Amino acid sequence: MKLIVIGCPGAGKSTLARTLSNELGLPLLHLDRIWHATDYSSQARQAFSQQVETFMAEHEAWIIDGNYANRLPQRLRHADTVLWLAYPRRLCLYRVLVRTFKTVLFGAKRPDMAEQFRDRLDKEYLAFLQFVWQFSKTTYPKLEQALADFSGQVYRCRNSKQTHQVVQLIKQPPA
């Protein structure tokens, strides 16, 4: 299986990907862990793409967690399954806020993020919250466009019950 997990920040992509990785014994790549370890330059974008290519080439089966809609076609060329967590934006925003306060106030670690990344309650964070709130309007169309020609299986889950059902299907060994 070559599985991509996408969805709004706060939907639970990283947690779900980590769980699936552990249960299926598949290597996992968190895209945020790579990207937020860079200086966000054009050279960093090239290095990011190369690291993703290398990961996919080195593993027969894998899970990749993260959107990066502009780079999604690169991953789709190799993937056979996409799990899209299309959860309500209020839930995603709430989860982002809870996650941030856990990291800022209590020093909680995020295994899906680069070691040096720190959440900060600043102007950039407010812009990020706006991005989360607008995600379904701004990023969903990009994801849908990238998936339009994808020949693999796409599961679009709108709630945790649907996600649980899809996870059970994914975990079943092929017949």
N, C-alpha and C. Protein backbone atom coordinates (compact mmCIF):
# COMPACT_ATOMS: atom_id res chain seq x y z
N MET A 1 0.84 -1.18 0.00
CA MET A 1 0.00 0.00 0.00
C MET A 1 0.88 1.24 0.00
N LYS A 2 0.48 2.21 -0.79
CA LYS A 2 1.14 3.51 -0.83
C LYS A 2 0.05 4.53 -0.57
N LEU A 3 -0.03 4.98 0.68
CA LEU A 3 -1.16 5.76 1.19
C LEU A 3 -0.75 7.19 1.49
N ILE A 4 -1.56 8.12 0.98
CA ILE A 4 -1.40 9.54 1.29
C ILE A 4 -2.58 9.94 2.18
N VAL A 5 -2.29 10.64 3.28
CA VAL A 5 -3.33 11.14 4.18
C VAL A 5 -3.33 12.65 4.06
N ILE A 6 -4.46 13.21 3.63
CA ILE A 6 -4.59 14.65 3.44
C ILE A 6 -5.79 15.17 4.22
N GLY A 7 -5.89 16.49 4.35
CA GLY A 7 -7.02 17.10 5.02
C GLY A 7 -6.61 18.39 5.70
N CYS A 8 -7.56 19.07 6.24
CA CYS A 8 -7.34 20.35 6.90
C CYS A 8 -6.43 20.18 8.11
N PRO A 9 -5.60 21.18 8.40
CA PRO A 9 -4.86 21.14 9.66
C PRO A 9 -5.85 20.95 10.82
N GLY A 10 -5.50 20.09 11.73
CA GLY A 10 -6.37 19.82 12.87
C GLY A 10 -7.35 18.67 12.64
N ALA A 11 -7.38 18.12 11.44
CA ALA A 11 -8.30 17.01 11.15
C ALA A 11 -7.84 15.72 11.80
N GLY A 12 -6.55 15.61 12.08
CA GLY A 12 -6.03 14.40 12.70
C GLY A 12 -5.20 13.55 11.76
N LYS A 13 -4.69 14.15 10.69
CA LYS A 13 -3.90 13.42 9.69
C LYS A 13 -2.70 12.73 10.31
N SER A 14 -1.93 13.47 11.07
CA SER A 14 -0.68 12.93 11.62
C SER A 14 -0.94 11.82 12.62
N THR A 15 -1.92 12.02 13.47
CA THR A 15 -2.26 11.00 14.47
C THR A 15 -2.75 9.74 13.78
N LEU A 16 -3.61 9.88 12.80
CA LEU A 16 -4.12 8.73 12.06
C LEU A 16 -3.00 8.04 11.30
N ALA A 17 -2.15 8.82 10.64
CA ALA A 17 -1.05 8.23 9.88
C ALA A 17 -0.10 7.46 10.79
N ARG A 18 0.18 8.01 11.96
CA ARG A 18 1.06 7.34 12.93
C ARG A 18 0.43 6.02 13.39
N THR A 19 -0.85 6.04 13.68
CA THR A 19 -1.56 4.83 14.10
C THR A 19 -1.52 3.77 13.01
N LEU A 20 -1.83 4.19 11.78
CA LEU A 20 -1.81 3.24 10.67
C LEU A 20 -0.40 2.69 10.43
N SER A 21 0.58 3.55 10.53
CA SER A 21 1.97 3.12 10.35
C SER A 21 2.33 2.03 11.36
N ASN A 22 1.96 2.27 12.61
CA ASN A 22 2.25 1.29 13.66
C ASN A 22 1.49 -0.02 13.45
N GLU A 23 0.22 0.08 13.10
CA GLU A 23 -0.60 -1.12 12.96
C GLU A 23 -0.29 -1.91 11.70
N LEU A 24 0.10 -1.22 10.63
CA LEU A 24 0.38 -1.91 9.36
C LEU A 24 1.87 -2.18 9.15
N GLY A 25 2.69 -1.61 10.01
CA GLY A 25 4.12 -1.80 9.88
C GLY A 25 4.72 -1.12 8.66
N LEU A 26 4.13 0.01 8.27
CA LEU A 26 4.59 0.75 7.09
C LEU A 26 5.41 1.96 7.50
N PRO A 27 6.45 2.28 6.73
CA PRO A 27 7.21 3.50 7.03
C PRO A 27 6.34 4.73 6.79
N LEU A 28 6.57 5.75 7.60
CA LEU A 28 5.75 6.96 7.58
C LEU A 28 6.62 8.19 7.37
N LEU A 29 6.16 9.07 6.50
CA LEU A 29 6.81 10.36 6.28
C LEU A 29 5.83 11.47 6.61
N HIS A 30 6.18 12.30 7.59
CA HIS A 30 5.39 13.49 7.92
C HIS A 30 5.98 14.66 7.13
N LEU A 31 5.22 15.20 6.20
CA LEU A 31 5.74 16.30 5.37
C LEU A 31 6.05 17.54 6.19
N ASP A 32 5.27 17.82 7.23
CA ASP A 32 5.56 18.98 8.08
C ASP A 32 6.93 18.86 8.75
N ARG A 33 7.30 17.65 9.07
CA ARG A 33 8.60 17.42 9.73
C ARG A 33 9.75 17.83 8.81
N ILE A 34 9.58 17.60 7.51
CA ILE A 34 10.60 18.01 6.54
C ILE A 34 10.53 19.52 6.29
N TRP A 35 9.34 20.00 5.93
CA TRP A 35 9.19 21.39 5.50
C TRP A 35 9.56 22.38 6.60
N HIS A 36 9.13 22.14 7.80
CA HIS A 36 9.38 23.10 8.88
C HIS A 36 10.79 22.99 9.46
N ALA A 37 11.62 22.16 8.85
CA ALA A 37 13.03 22.11 9.21
C ALA A 37 13.85 22.95 8.22
N THR A 38 13.17 23.62 7.28
CA THR A 38 13.86 24.39 6.24
C THR A 38 13.74 25.89 6.50
N ASP A 39 14.37 26.64 5.60
CA ASP A 39 14.25 28.11 5.64
C ASP A 39 13.16 28.61 4.70
N TYR A 40 12.38 27.70 4.12
CA TYR A 40 11.24 28.00 3.25
C TYR A 40 11.63 28.68 1.93
N SER A 41 12.86 28.54 1.52
CA SER A 41 13.36 29.16 0.29
C SER A 41 13.03 28.28 -0.92
N SER A 42 13.35 28.78 -2.11
CA SER A 42 13.14 27.98 -3.32
C SER A 42 14.05 26.75 -3.31
N GLN A 43 15.24 26.90 -2.75
CA GLN A 43 16.13 25.75 -2.63
C GLN A 43 15.52 24.72 -1.66
N ALA A 44 14.89 25.21 -0.62
CA ALA A 44 14.24 24.32 0.34
C ALA A 44 13.10 23.56 -0.33
N ARG A 45 12.35 24.21 -1.22
CA ARG A 45 11.27 23.53 -1.94
C ARG A 45 11.82 22.40 -2.80
N GLN A 46 12.95 22.65 -3.44
CA GLN A 46 13.58 21.61 -4.27
C GLN A 46 14.06 20.45 -3.40
N ALA A 47 14.69 20.78 -2.28
CA ALA A 47 15.18 19.74 -1.37
C ALA A 47 14.02 18.94 -0.79
N PHE A 48 12.93 19.63 -0.47
CA PHE A 48 11.72 18.99 0.05
C PHE A 48 11.22 17.95 -0.96
N SER A 49 11.08 18.35 -2.21
CA SER A 49 10.60 17.44 -3.25
C SER A 49 11.54 16.25 -3.40
N GLN A 50 12.83 16.51 -3.32
CA GLN A 50 13.80 15.43 -3.46
C GLN A 50 13.71 14.45 -2.30
N GLN A 51 13.52 14.95 -1.09
CA GLN A 51 13.39 14.06 0.06
C GLN A 51 12.15 13.17 -0.06
N VAL A 52 11.06 13.75 -0.56
CA VAL A 52 9.83 12.98 -0.75
C VAL A 52 10.07 11.90 -1.81
N GLU A 53 10.70 12.26 -2.93
CA GLU A 53 11.00 11.29 -3.98
C GLU A 53 11.88 10.16 -3.45
N THR A 54 12.88 10.52 -2.68
CA THR A 54 13.79 9.52 -2.12
C THR A 54 13.04 8.56 -1.21
N PHE A 55 12.19 9.11 -0.34
CA PHE A 55 11.41 8.26 0.58
C PHE A 55 10.55 7.27 -0.20
N MET A 56 9.85 7.76 -1.24
CA MET A 56 8.97 6.89 -2.00
C MET A 56 9.77 5.82 -2.75
N ALA A 57 10.94 6.19 -3.25
CA ALA A 57 11.77 5.24 -4.00
C ALA A 57 12.39 4.18 -3.10
N GLU A 58 12.67 4.54 -1.87
CA GLU A 58 13.34 3.61 -0.94
C GLU A 58 12.41 2.59 -0.31
N HIS A 59 11.10 2.80 -0.42
CA HIS A 59 10.15 1.91 0.25
C HIS A 59 9.14 1.35 -0.74
N GLU A 60 8.91 0.06 -0.61
CA GLU A 60 7.94 -0.60 -1.47
C GLU A 60 6.50 -0.19 -1.13
N ALA A 61 6.26 0.05 0.14
CA ALA A 61 4.96 0.51 0.63
C ALA A 61 5.24 1.59 1.66
N TRP A 62 4.30 2.54 1.80
CA TRP A 62 4.54 3.66 2.71
C TRP A 62 3.25 4.41 3.00
N ILE A 63 3.37 5.34 3.98
CA ILE A 63 2.32 6.30 4.30
C ILE A 63 2.97 7.67 4.31
N ILE A 64 2.32 8.64 3.66
CA ILE A 64 2.79 10.02 3.69
C ILE A 64 1.66 10.89 4.21
N ASP A 65 1.97 11.68 5.23
CA ASP A 65 1.01 12.54 5.91
C ASP A 65 1.27 13.99 5.53
N GLY A 66 0.26 14.64 4.96
CA GLY A 66 0.38 16.07 4.69
C GLY A 66 -0.20 16.46 3.35
N ASN A 67 -0.57 17.71 3.24
CA ASN A 67 -1.19 18.22 2.03
C ASN A 67 -0.17 18.72 1.02
N TYR A 68 0.34 19.92 1.27
CA TYR A 68 1.24 20.56 0.33
C TYR A 68 0.68 20.36 -1.08
N ALA A 69 -0.50 20.98 -1.29
CA ALA A 69 -1.31 20.76 -2.49
C ALA A 69 -0.53 20.96 -3.78
N ASN A 70 0.38 21.93 -3.80
CA ASN A 70 1.16 22.16 -5.02
C ASN A 70 2.08 21.00 -5.34
N ARG A 71 2.45 20.22 -4.34
CA ARG A 71 3.34 19.07 -4.53
C ARG A 71 2.58 17.73 -4.50
N LEU A 72 1.27 17.79 -4.36
CA LEU A 72 0.48 16.56 -4.29
C LEU A 72 0.60 15.71 -5.55
N PRO A 73 0.59 16.27 -6.76
CA PRO A 73 0.72 15.42 -7.95
C PRO A 73 1.99 14.55 -7.94
N GLN A 74 3.06 15.08 -7.38
CA GLN A 74 4.31 14.30 -7.26
C GLN A 74 4.05 13.01 -6.50
N ARG A 75 3.32 13.07 -5.39
CA ARG A 75 3.04 11.89 -4.59
C ARG A 75 1.99 11.00 -5.23
N LEU A 76 1.00 11.61 -5.88
CA LEU A 76 -0.08 10.83 -6.50
C LEU A 76 0.44 9.92 -7.61
N ARG A 77 1.51 10.30 -8.27
CA ARG A 77 2.07 9.46 -9.34
C ARG A 77 2.53 8.10 -8.80
N HIS A 78 2.80 8.04 -7.51
CA HIS A 78 3.31 6.81 -6.90
C HIS A 78 2.30 6.13 -5.98
N ALA A 79 1.29 6.86 -5.55
CA ALA A 79 0.34 6.35 -4.56
C ALA A 79 -0.72 5.45 -5.19
N ASP A 80 -1.33 4.62 -4.35
CA ASP A 80 -2.48 3.84 -4.80
C ASP A 80 -3.74 4.16 -3.99
N THR A 81 -3.57 4.86 -2.85
CA THR A 81 -4.70 5.17 -1.98
C THR A 81 -4.54 6.55 -1.38
N VAL A 82 -5.65 7.29 -1.31
CA VAL A 82 -5.68 8.59 -0.63
C VAL A 82 -6.78 8.54 0.40
N LEU A 83 -6.44 8.93 1.60
CA LEU A 83 -7.41 9.06 2.68
C LEU A 83 -7.52 10.54 2.99
N TRP A 84 -8.67 11.13 2.65
CA TRP A 84 -8.90 12.57 2.78
C TRP A 84 -9.82 12.80 3.98
N LEU A 85 -9.28 13.43 5.01
CA LEU A 85 -10.08 13.77 6.19
C LEU A 85 -10.71 15.14 5.95
N ALA A 86 -11.95 15.12 5.48
CA ALA A 86 -12.68 16.35 5.14
C ALA A 86 -13.62 16.72 6.28
N TYR A 87 -13.04 16.95 7.43
CA TYR A 87 -13.83 17.22 8.64
C TYR A 87 -14.31 18.68 8.66
N PRO A 88 -15.34 18.96 9.47
CA PRO A 88 -15.86 20.33 9.57
C PRO A 88 -14.78 21.29 10.08
N ARG A 89 -14.79 22.49 9.53
CA ARG A 89 -13.74 23.45 9.88
C ARG A 89 -13.78 23.86 11.35
N ARG A 90 -14.95 23.88 11.96
CA ARG A 90 -15.01 24.24 13.39
C ARG A 90 -14.25 23.22 14.23
N LEU A 91 -14.42 21.95 13.91
CA LEU A 91 -13.71 20.90 14.63
C LEU A 91 -12.20 21.03 14.41
N CYS A 92 -11.80 21.26 13.17
CA CYS A 92 -10.36 21.39 12.86
C CYS A 92 -9.77 22.61 13.58
N LEU A 93 -10.47 23.72 13.55
CA LEU A 93 -9.97 24.92 14.23
C LEU A 93 -9.85 24.68 15.73
N TYR A 94 -10.85 24.05 16.31
CA TYR A 94 -10.81 23.72 17.73
C TYR A 94 -9.59 22.85 18.05
N ARG A 95 -9.37 21.82 17.25
CA ARG A 95 -8.23 20.93 17.50
C ARG A 95 -6.90 21.65 17.34
N VAL A 96 -6.81 22.55 16.37
CA VAL A 96 -5.57 23.33 16.20
C VAL A 96 -5.32 24.18 17.44
N LEU A 97 -6.37 24.81 17.94
CA LEU A 97 -6.22 25.65 19.14
C LEU A 97 -5.79 24.83 20.34
N VAL A 98 -6.43 23.68 20.54
CA VAL A 98 -6.07 22.81 21.67
C VAL A 98 -4.63 22.35 21.54
N ARG A 99 -4.25 21.91 20.36
CA ARG A 99 -2.89 21.45 20.11
C ARG A 99 -1.88 22.56 20.38
N THR A 100 -2.18 23.76 19.93
CA THR A 100 -1.27 24.89 20.13
C THR A 100 -1.12 25.21 21.61
N PHE A 101 -2.21 25.25 22.32
CA PHE A 101 -2.10 25.58 23.74
C PHE A 101 -1.36 24.49 24.51
N LYS A 102 -1.50 23.25 24.09
CA LYS A 102 -0.73 22.18 24.73
C LYS A 102 0.76 22.38 24.50
N THR A 103 1.13 22.80 23.29
CA THR A 103 2.56 22.97 23.00
C THR A 103 3.10 24.25 23.61
N VAL A 104 2.34 25.33 23.54
CA VAL A 104 2.82 26.62 24.04
C VAL A 104 2.83 26.66 25.56
N LEU A 105 1.74 26.25 26.17
CA LEU A 105 1.60 26.37 27.62
C LEU A 105 2.24 25.21 28.40
N PHE A 106 2.21 24.02 27.82
CA PHE A 106 2.65 22.86 28.57
C PHE A 106 3.87 22.17 27.95
N GLY A 107 4.37 22.70 26.86
CA GLY A 107 5.58 22.14 26.24
C GLY A 107 5.39 20.79 25.59
N ALA A 108 4.15 20.47 25.23
CA ALA A 108 3.90 19.18 24.57
C ALA A 108 4.68 19.11 23.26
N LYS A 109 5.18 17.94 22.94
CA LYS A 109 5.94 17.73 21.70
C LYS A 109 5.01 17.19 20.62
N ARG A 110 5.31 17.58 19.40
CA ARG A 110 4.56 17.09 18.24
C ARG A 110 5.50 16.23 17.40
N PRO A 111 5.33 14.92 17.42
CA PRO A 111 6.25 14.04 16.69
C PRO A 111 6.19 14.22 15.18
N ASP A 112 5.15 14.88 14.69
CA ASP A 112 5.00 15.09 13.25
C ASP A 112 5.68 16.37 12.77
N MET A 113 6.23 17.15 13.70
CA MET A 113 6.83 18.44 13.34
C MET A 113 8.35 18.39 13.50
N ALA A 114 8.99 19.29 12.77
CA ALA A 114 10.44 19.42 12.88
C ALA A 114 10.81 19.77 14.32
N GLU A 115 11.93 19.26 14.76
CA GLU A 115 12.37 19.44 16.15
C GLU A 115 12.46 20.91 16.54
N GLN A 116 12.95 21.75 15.64
CA GLN A 116 13.17 23.16 15.96
C GLN A 116 11.91 24.02 15.81
N PHE A 117 10.82 23.45 15.28
CA PHE A 117 9.59 24.23 15.09
C PHE A 117 8.94 24.52 16.44
N ARG A 118 8.51 25.75 16.63
CA ARG A 118 7.80 26.15 17.85
C ARG A 118 6.54 26.90 17.47
N ASP A 119 5.43 26.49 18.05
CA ASP A 119 4.20 27.25 17.90
C ASP A 119 4.35 28.56 18.67
N ARG A 120 3.92 29.63 18.06
CA ARG A 120 3.96 30.94 18.72
C ARG A 120 2.61 31.62 18.52
N LEU A 121 2.17 32.29 19.53
CA LEU A 121 0.92 33.04 19.43
C LEU A 121 1.25 34.44 18.93
N ASP A 122 1.39 34.56 17.62
CA ASP A 122 1.81 35.81 17.00
C ASP A 122 0.97 36.08 15.75
N LYS A 123 1.39 37.07 14.98
CA LYS A 123 0.67 37.45 13.76
C LYS A 123 0.63 36.30 12.75
N GLU A 124 1.73 35.58 12.63
CA GLU A 124 1.76 34.43 11.71
C GLU A 124 0.77 33.35 12.14
N TYR A 125 0.64 33.18 13.45
CA TYR A 125 -0.29 32.17 13.95
C TYR A 125 -1.73 32.57 13.63
N LEU A 126 -2.04 33.86 13.76
CA LEU A 126 -3.38 34.32 13.39
C LEU A 126 -3.65 34.07 11.91
N ALA A 127 -2.64 34.28 11.07
CA ALA A 127 -2.79 34.00 9.64
C ALA A 127 -3.02 32.50 9.42
N PHE A 128 -2.32 31.67 10.21
CA PHE A 128 -2.51 30.22 10.11
C PHE A 128 -3.93 29.84 10.50
N LEU A 129 -4.47 30.44 11.56
CA LEU A 129 -5.84 30.15 11.97
C LEU A 129 -6.82 30.54 10.87
N GLN A 130 -6.56 31.65 10.21
CA GLN A 130 -7.40 32.06 9.08
C GLN A 130 -7.29 31.04 7.94
N PHE A 131 -6.09 30.54 7.69
CA PHE A 131 -5.87 29.51 6.68
C PHE A 131 -6.70 28.27 7.02
N VAL A 132 -6.69 27.86 8.27
CA VAL A 132 -7.46 26.69 8.70
C VAL A 132 -8.95 26.94 8.45
N TRP A 133 -9.43 28.12 8.84
CA TRP A 133 -10.84 28.44 8.70
C TRP A 133 -11.27 28.46 7.22
N GLN A 134 -10.39 28.93 6.35
CA GLN A 134 -10.70 29.04 4.92
C GLN A 134 -10.29 27.80 4.11
N PHE A 135 -9.73 26.81 4.76
CA PHE A 135 -9.14 25.67 4.07
C PHE A 135 -10.09 25.03 3.07
N SER A 136 -11.32 24.81 3.47
CA SER A 136 -12.26 24.12 2.56
C SER A 136 -12.54 24.96 1.32
N LYS A 137 -12.47 26.27 1.43
CA LYS A 137 -12.72 27.14 0.28
C LYS A 137 -11.47 27.33 -0.58
N THR A 138 -10.32 27.40 0.05
CA THR A 138 -9.10 27.72 -0.70
C THR A 138 -8.31 26.51 -1.14
N THR A 139 -8.24 25.49 -0.31
CA THR A 139 -7.36 24.35 -0.60
C THR A 139 -8.11 23.14 -1.14
N TYR A 140 -9.34 22.92 -0.71
CA TYR A 140 -10.10 21.78 -1.23
C TYR A 140 -10.14 21.78 -2.76
N PRO A 141 -10.40 22.93 -3.41
CA PRO A 141 -10.41 22.90 -4.88
C PRO A 141 -9.07 22.45 -5.47
N LYS A 142 -7.96 22.83 -4.85
CA LYS A 142 -6.64 22.39 -5.34
C LYS A 142 -6.48 20.88 -5.15
N LEU A 143 -6.94 20.38 -4.02
CA LEU A 143 -6.85 18.94 -3.78
C LEU A 143 -7.73 18.18 -4.76
N GLU A 144 -8.95 18.68 -4.97
CA GLU A 144 -9.87 18.03 -5.92
C GLU A 144 -9.29 18.03 -7.33
N GLN A 145 -8.68 19.13 -7.72
CA GLN A 145 -8.07 19.21 -9.05
C GLN A 145 -6.93 18.20 -9.18
N ALA A 146 -6.09 18.11 -8.15
CA ALA A 146 -4.98 17.17 -8.19
C ALA A 146 -5.48 15.73 -8.24
N LEU A 147 -6.61 15.45 -7.58
CA LEU A 147 -7.15 14.09 -7.53
C LEU A 147 -8.00 13.73 -8.75
N ALA A 148 -8.31 14.71 -9.59
CA ALA A 148 -9.22 14.47 -10.72
C ALA A 148 -8.76 13.34 -11.63
N ASP A 149 -7.48 13.23 -11.87
CA ASP A 149 -6.96 12.20 -12.76
C ASP A 149 -6.32 11.03 -12.02
N PHE A 150 -6.47 10.99 -10.71
CA PHE A 150 -5.88 9.92 -9.91
C PHE A 150 -6.65 8.64 -10.15
N SER A 151 -5.94 7.56 -10.47
CA SER A 151 -6.61 6.30 -10.80
C SER A 151 -6.74 5.36 -9.60
N GLY A 152 -6.16 5.75 -8.47
CA GLY A 152 -6.24 4.91 -7.28
C GLY A 152 -7.52 5.12 -6.50
N GLN A 153 -7.56 4.58 -5.31
CA GLN A 153 -8.72 4.66 -4.43
C GLN A 153 -8.66 5.93 -3.59
N VAL A 154 -9.75 6.69 -3.58
CA VAL A 154 -9.84 7.88 -2.73
C VAL A 154 -10.99 7.67 -1.75
N TYR A 155 -10.67 7.81 -0.47
CA TYR A 155 -11.67 7.76 0.59
C TYR A 155 -11.79 9.16 1.16
N ARG A 156 -12.96 9.75 1.05
CA ARG A 156 -13.18 11.09 1.60
C ARG A 156 -14.09 10.94 2.81
N CYS A 157 -13.51 11.16 3.98
CA CYS A 157 -14.22 10.95 5.24
C CYS A 157 -14.60 12.30 5.84
N ARG A 158 -15.86 12.45 6.19
CA ARG A 158 -16.35 13.71 6.73
C ARG A 158 -16.51 13.70 8.26
N ASN A 159 -16.28 12.54 8.87
CA ASN A 159 -16.37 12.44 10.32
C ASN A 159 -15.57 11.23 10.80
N SER A 160 -15.42 11.12 12.10
CA SER A 160 -14.58 10.05 12.65
C SER A 160 -15.20 8.67 12.44
N LYS A 161 -16.52 8.58 12.38
CA LYS A 161 -17.17 7.28 12.13
C LYS A 161 -16.80 6.77 10.73
N GLN A 162 -16.89 7.65 9.74
CA GLN A 162 -16.50 7.25 8.38
C GLN A 162 -15.02 6.88 8.33
N THR A 163 -14.19 7.66 9.02
CA THR A 163 -12.76 7.37 9.04
C THR A 163 -12.50 6.01 9.65
N HIS A 164 -13.17 5.70 10.75
CA HIS A 164 -13.00 4.40 11.39
C HIS A 164 -13.37 3.27 10.42
N GLN A 165 -14.47 3.43 9.69
CA GLN A 165 -14.89 2.41 8.74
C GLN A 165 -13.84 2.22 7.64
N VAL A 166 -13.29 3.32 7.14
CA VAL A 166 -12.28 3.24 6.08
C VAL A 166 -11.00 2.60 6.62
N VAL A 167 -10.62 2.97 7.83
CA VAL A 167 -9.42 2.38 8.43
C VAL A 167 -9.58 0.87 8.55
N GLN A 168 -10.77 0.41 8.92
CA GLN A 168 -10.99 -1.04 9.00
C GLN A 168 -10.83 -1.70 7.63
N LEU A 169 -11.30 -1.04 6.57
CA LEU A 169 -11.11 -1.56 5.21
C LEU A 169 -9.62 -1.60 4.84
N ILE A 170 -8.92 -0.54 5.16
CA ILE A 170 -7.50 -0.45 4.83
C ILE A 170 -6.70 -1.52 5.57
N LYS A 171 -7.07 -1.78 6.80
CA LYS A 171 -6.34 -2.75 7.61
C LYS A 171 -6.57 -4.19 7.21
N GLN A 172 -7.64 -4.46 6.44
CA GLN A 172 -7.92 -5.82 6.00
C GLN A 172 -6.88 -6.24 4.97
N PRO A 173 -6.31 -7.42 5.14
CA PRO A 173 -5.34 -7.88 4.14
C PRO A 173 -6.03 -8.13 2.80
N PRO A 174 -5.33 -7.86 1.69
CA PRO A 174 -5.93 -8.09 0.37
C PRO A 174 -6.25 -9.57 0.16
N ALA A 175 -7.35 -9.81 -0.53
CA ALA A 175 -7.80 -11.19 -0.75
C ALA A 175 -7.00 -11.87 -1.84
